[in-house]
Amino acid sequence: MSETTTRVVLVTGANRGIGRAIAEAFVAQGDTVATIYRSGDLPHGVHGYVGDVTSTTDIDAAFTRIEADLGPVTVLVANAGITRDQLLMRMSDEEFDQVVDVNLTGAFRCARRASKGMIKARNGRIIFISSVVGLYGGPGQVNYSASKAGLVGMARSITRELGSRSITANVVAPGFINTDMTQALPEATQKTYKSSIPAGRFAEPHEVAAAVQFLASEQAGYISGAVIPVDGGLGMGH
């Protein structure tokens, strides 16, 4: 995989937030970028394929169309995620299952399908977007943190399975990011959160995208099974 060769990069959930910033960064770098998403507008230059990561049929169909239109997926960024925050004693089976199905099983469905082309090519990059919450924990987020922690075990198992074929699997764990969601928080709440972050600020989405781009690069070929925090030091040691 050469940096001068146009790669096919698939970013799930590229219609908003971190996923959007990641897709834009790869487009700016000259890569061919596709996304599987449910709805919404997409960044300029991103090829959109509507599908739901909770459906194996949807994922397989979308990959088949991407491969026909653009070529085999070289880089997978499994970013699609949801939250259903609730205190443990009040959390329903549905609230737990829905989050795990999108965040963890959805990432598995995409990685499984992407691996077919990567094994054939004997090259590939799989990057899971986790969260500091997956390692640090968060009250009311048993479902979310469990799903995000599970991505670490998944990446490390894939590394042991596919590492000899020049396929890497890594995890990026963002902390608090400047998005519409964090901007909507009351100023006092934002201040409290920032006081717990050594960097004293929230990250910009492009800072997460930069870490993803590095892990997708040729230079990162000997990094696999790693967890890269982009959290200003919030989760140190976790």
Protein backbone atom coordinates (compact mmCIF):
# COMPACT_ATOMS: atom_id res chain seq x y z
CA MET A 1 0.00 0.00 0.00
CA SER A 2 1.66 3.18 -1.16
CA GLU A 3 0.69 6.68 -0.10
CA THR A 4 0.79 7.66 -3.79
CA THR A 5 -1.80 5.02 -4.66
CA THR A 6 -5.43 6.06 -4.29
CA ARG A 7 -6.89 4.02 -1.48
CA VAL A 8 -10.53 3.17 -0.91
CA VAL A 9 -11.41 4.28 2.62
CA LEU A 10 -14.74 3.34 4.21
CA VAL A 11 -15.86 5.45 7.17
CA THR A 12 -19.15 4.37 8.74
CA GLY A 13 -21.38 7.19 9.97
CA ALA A 14 -19.58 9.96 8.04
CA ASN A 15 -22.62 12.25 8.02
CA ARG A 16 -21.83 14.02 11.31
CA GLY A 17 -19.38 14.66 14.15
CA ILE A 18 -16.12 12.76 14.32
CA GLY A 19 -17.00 10.51 11.38
CA ARG A 20 -17.56 13.53 9.17
CA ALA A 21 -14.19 15.05 10.14
CA ILE A 22 -12.43 11.74 9.48
CA ALA A 23 -14.04 11.39 6.04
CA GLU A 24 -13.16 14.99 5.14
CA ALA A 25 -9.53 14.43 6.15
CA PHE A 26 -9.19 11.38 3.88
CA VAL A 27 -10.86 13.22 0.98
CA ALA A 28 -8.42 16.13 1.45
CA GLN A 29 -5.56 13.62 1.35
CA GLY A 30 -6.73 12.40 -2.05
CA ASP A 31 -8.22 9.07 -1.02
CA THR A 32 -11.45 7.66 -2.45
CA VAL A 33 -13.85 7.81 0.48
CA ALA A 34 -17.13 5.94 0.94
CA THR A 35 -19.53 5.75 3.83
CA ILE A 36 -22.34 3.53 5.00
CA TYR A 37 -24.89 5.73 6.75
CA ARG A 38 -28.57 5.89 7.58
CA SER A 39 -29.49 9.47 6.68
CA GLY A 40 -28.27 13.06 6.48
CA ASP A 41 -26.04 15.06 4.16
CA LEU A 42 -22.48 13.99 3.44
CA PRO A 43 -19.23 15.92 3.08
CA HIS A 44 -18.19 16.89 -0.43
CA GLY A 45 -16.44 14.05 -2.22
CA VAL A 46 -17.78 11.23 -0.05
CA HIS A 47 -19.59 8.39 -1.85
CA GLY A 48 -22.68 7.50 0.18
CA TYR A 49 -24.25 4.05 0.53
CA VAL A 50 -27.38 3.88 2.67
CA GLY A 51 -27.39 0.97 5.09
CA ASP A 52 -27.72 0.01 8.73
CA VAL A 53 -24.75 -1.50 10.58
CA THR A 54 -27.18 -3.66 12.58
CA SER A 55 -28.02 -5.56 9.38
CA THR A 56 -25.57 -8.09 7.96
CA THR A 57 -27.55 -8.03 4.71
CA ASP A 58 -27.20 -4.22 4.47
CA ILE A 59 -23.47 -4.34 5.19
CA ASP A 60 -22.77 -7.10 2.68
CA ALA A 61 -24.82 -5.33 0.00
CA ALA A 62 -23.13 -1.97 0.62
CA PHE A 63 -19.65 -3.52 0.48
CA THR A 64 -20.54 -5.29 -2.76
CA ARG A 65 -21.67 -1.98 -4.30
CA ILE A 66 -18.58 -0.14 -3.04
CA GLU A 67 -16.28 -2.81 -4.45
CA ALA A 68 -18.05 -2.65 -7.83
CA ASP A 69 -18.08 1.17 -7.97
CA LEU A 70 -14.77 2.09 -6.34
CA GLY A 71 -12.69 -1.04 -5.72
CA PRO A 72 -11.81 -3.13 -2.66
CA VAL A 73 -11.82 -1.36 0.71
CA THR A 74 -8.23 -0.74 1.81
CA VAL A 75 -9.00 1.15 5.04
CA LEU A 76 -12.02 0.60 7.30
CA VAL A 77 -12.87 3.17 9.96
CA ALA A 78 -15.70 1.73 12.10
CA ASN A 79 -17.11 4.88 13.60
CA ALA A 80 -20.92 4.50 13.68
CA GLY A 81 -22.19 4.69 17.25
CA ILE A 82 -25.17 5.56 19.43
CA THR A 83 -25.85 6.23 23.10
CA ARG A 84 -28.81 5.26 25.26
CA ASP A 85 -27.67 6.57 28.65
CA GLN A 86 -29.50 5.27 31.70
CA LEU A 87 -28.66 4.31 35.28
CA LEU A 88 -27.82 0.62 35.68
CA MET A 89 -30.87 -0.31 37.74
CA ARG A 90 -33.19 1.40 35.24
CA MET A 91 -31.48 0.29 32.02
CA SER A 92 -33.67 -1.97 29.92
CA ASP A 93 -32.49 -4.97 27.92
CA GLU A 94 -33.40 -3.01 24.79
CA GLU A 95 -31.26 -0.01 25.78
CA PHE A 96 -28.31 -2.31 26.40
CA ASP A 97 -28.83 -4.47 23.31
CA GLN A 98 -29.35 -1.55 20.91
CA VAL A 99 -26.08 0.14 21.88
CA VAL A 100 -24.06 -3.07 21.72
CA ASP A 101 -25.65 -4.02 18.38
CA VAL A 102 -24.64 -0.73 16.73
CA ASN A 103 -21.34 0.07 18.46
CA LEU A 104 -19.79 -3.37 18.86
CA THR A 105 -21.59 -5.92 16.67
CA GLY A 106 -21.92 -3.30 13.90
CA ALA A 107 -18.15 -2.80 13.94
CA PHE A 108 -17.70 -6.59 13.84
CA ARG A 109 -20.01 -6.91 10.81
CA CYS A 110 -18.00 -4.28 8.94
CA ALA A 111 -14.61 -5.71 9.92
CA ARG A 112 -15.66 -9.23 8.96
CA ARG A 113 -16.79 -8.11 5.50
CA ALA A 114 -13.78 -5.81 4.94
CA SER A 115 -11.35 -8.57 5.92
CA LYS A 116 -12.27 -10.62 2.84
CA GLY A 117 -10.72 -8.11 0.44
CA MET A 118 -7.85 -7.28 2.80
CA ILE A 119 -6.83 -10.95 3.16
CA LYS A 120 -6.87 -11.31 -0.61
CA ALA A 121 -4.74 -8.17 -1.02
CA ARG A 122 -2.52 -9.11 1.93
CA ASN A 123 -2.85 -5.54 3.15
CA GLY A 124 -5.31 -3.45 5.09
CA ARG A 125 -6.04 -1.09 7.94
CA ILE A 126 -8.92 -1.53 10.39
CA ILE A 127 -9.51 1.32 12.84
CA PHE A 128 -12.21 1.22 15.50
CA ILE A 129 -13.44 4.47 17.04
CA SER A 130 -13.88 3.76 20.74
CA SER A 131 -14.09 6.31 23.56
CA VAL A 132 -12.29 7.29 26.75
CA VAL A 133 -15.50 6.07 28.43
CA GLY A 134 -14.72 2.54 27.23
CA LEU A 135 -11.60 2.49 29.42
CA TYR A 136 -12.41 5.08 32.09
CA GLY A 137 -16.08 4.29 32.62
CA GLY A 138 -18.99 6.68 32.93
CA PRO A 139 -22.03 6.79 35.20
CA GLY A 140 -25.20 5.94 33.30
CA GLN A 141 -23.14 4.46 30.46
CA VAL A 142 -22.80 0.76 31.29
CA ASN A 143 -24.06 -0.13 27.80
CA TYR A 144 -21.93 2.43 25.94
CA SER A 145 -18.72 1.78 27.88
CA ALA A 146 -19.12 -2.00 27.51
CA SER A 147 -19.58 -1.65 23.74
CA LYS A 148 -16.57 0.65 23.41
CA ALA A 149 -14.33 -1.49 25.62
CA GLY A 150 -15.25 -4.52 23.52
CA LEU A 151 -13.62 -2.90 20.48
CA VAL A 152 -10.22 -3.24 22.17
CA GLY A 153 -10.54 -7.01 22.50
CA MET A 154 -11.80 -7.17 18.93
CA ALA A 155 -8.85 -5.22 17.54
CA ARG A 156 -6.34 -7.33 19.45
CA SER A 157 -7.91 -10.61 18.36
CA ILE A 158 -7.95 -9.45 14.72
CA THR A 159 -4.28 -8.48 15.10
CA ARG A 160 -3.41 -12.01 16.23
CA GLU A 161 -5.46 -13.54 13.41
CA LEU A 162 -4.47 -11.31 10.51
CA GLY A 163 -1.22 -9.63 11.54
CA SER A 164 0.92 -11.91 9.35
CA ARG A 165 -0.99 -10.68 6.29
CA SER A 166 0.04 -7.02 6.75
CA ILE A 167 -3.39 -6.15 8.16
CA THR A 168 -3.44 -3.96 11.24
CA ALA A 169 -6.33 -3.36 13.66
CA ASN A 170 -6.19 -0.46 16.08
CA VAL A 171 -8.42 1.60 18.34
CA VAL A 172 -8.71 5.38 18.67
CA ALA A 173 -10.27 6.47 21.96
CA PRO A 174 -11.44 10.10 21.84
CA GLY A 175 -12.30 12.06 24.94
CA PHE A 176 -14.57 15.12 24.94
CA ILE A 177 -14.78 16.59 21.44
CA ASN A 178 -16.03 19.98 20.30
CA THR A 179 -19.21 18.96 18.52
CA ASP A 180 -22.79 20.28 18.45
CA MET A 181 -23.54 17.92 21.34
CA THR A 182 -20.87 19.29 23.68
CA GLN A 183 -21.58 22.90 22.63
CA ALA A 184 -25.21 22.39 23.72
CA LEU A 185 -24.12 21.60 27.29
CA PRO A 186 -24.59 24.35 29.90
CA GLU A 187 -21.48 26.51 30.31
CA ALA A 188 -21.05 25.40 33.94
CA THR A 189 -21.11 21.73 32.88
CA GLN A 190 -18.55 22.39 30.14
CA LYS A 191 -16.32 24.13 32.69
CA THR A 192 -16.56 21.15 35.08
CA TYR A 193 -15.62 18.72 32.32
CA LYS A 194 -12.70 20.86 31.16
CA SER A 195 -11.33 21.12 34.71
CA SER A 196 -10.86 17.32 34.74
CA ILE A 197 -8.89 17.34 31.46
CA PRO A 198 -5.16 18.10 31.84
CA ALA A 199 -5.18 19.90 28.47
CA GLY A 200 -7.95 22.16 29.82
CA ARG A 201 -10.01 22.06 26.64
CA PHE A 202 -12.10 19.80 24.42
CA ALA A 203 -10.52 18.29 21.31
CA GLU A 204 -11.36 19.45 17.82
CA PRO A 205 -12.73 16.74 15.50
CA HIS A 206 -9.74 17.17 13.15
CA GLU A 207 -7.40 16.13 15.99
CA VAL A 208 -9.14 12.74 16.16
CA ALA A 209 -9.03 12.50 12.36
CA ALA A 210 -5.26 13.08 12.42
CA ALA A 211 -4.72 10.07 14.70
CA VAL A 212 -6.90 7.93 12.42
CA GLN A 213 -4.99 9.08 9.34
CA PHE A 214 -1.69 8.14 10.95
CA LEU A 215 -2.90 4.64 11.87
CA ALA A 216 -4.15 4.22 8.29
CA SER A 217 -0.80 5.25 6.83
CA GLU A 218 2.03 3.11 5.50
CA GLN A 219 4.25 4.46 8.29
CA ALA A 220 2.02 2.82 10.91
CA GLY A 221 2.41 -0.67 9.46
CA TYR A 222 4.08 -2.01 12.62
CA ILE A 223 1.44 -0.63 14.99
CA SER A 224 -1.40 -3.07 15.67
CA GLY A 225 -3.61 -3.87 18.62
CA ALA A 226 -2.88 -0.41 20.03
CA VAL A 227 -5.25 1.96 21.79
CA ILE A 228 -4.49 5.59 20.92
CA PRO A 229 -6.19 8.05 23.28
CA VAL A 230 -7.08 11.50 21.91
CA ASP A 231 -8.39 12.89 25.17
CA GLY A 232 -6.00 15.59 26.42
CA GLY A 233 -4.79 13.23 29.16
CA LEU A 234 -8.21 12.60 30.70
CA GLY A 235 -7.95 8.81 30.76
CA MET A 236 -4.23 8.38 31.49
CA GLY A 237 -3.33 4.89 32.61
CA HIS A 238 -6.66 3.35 31.59
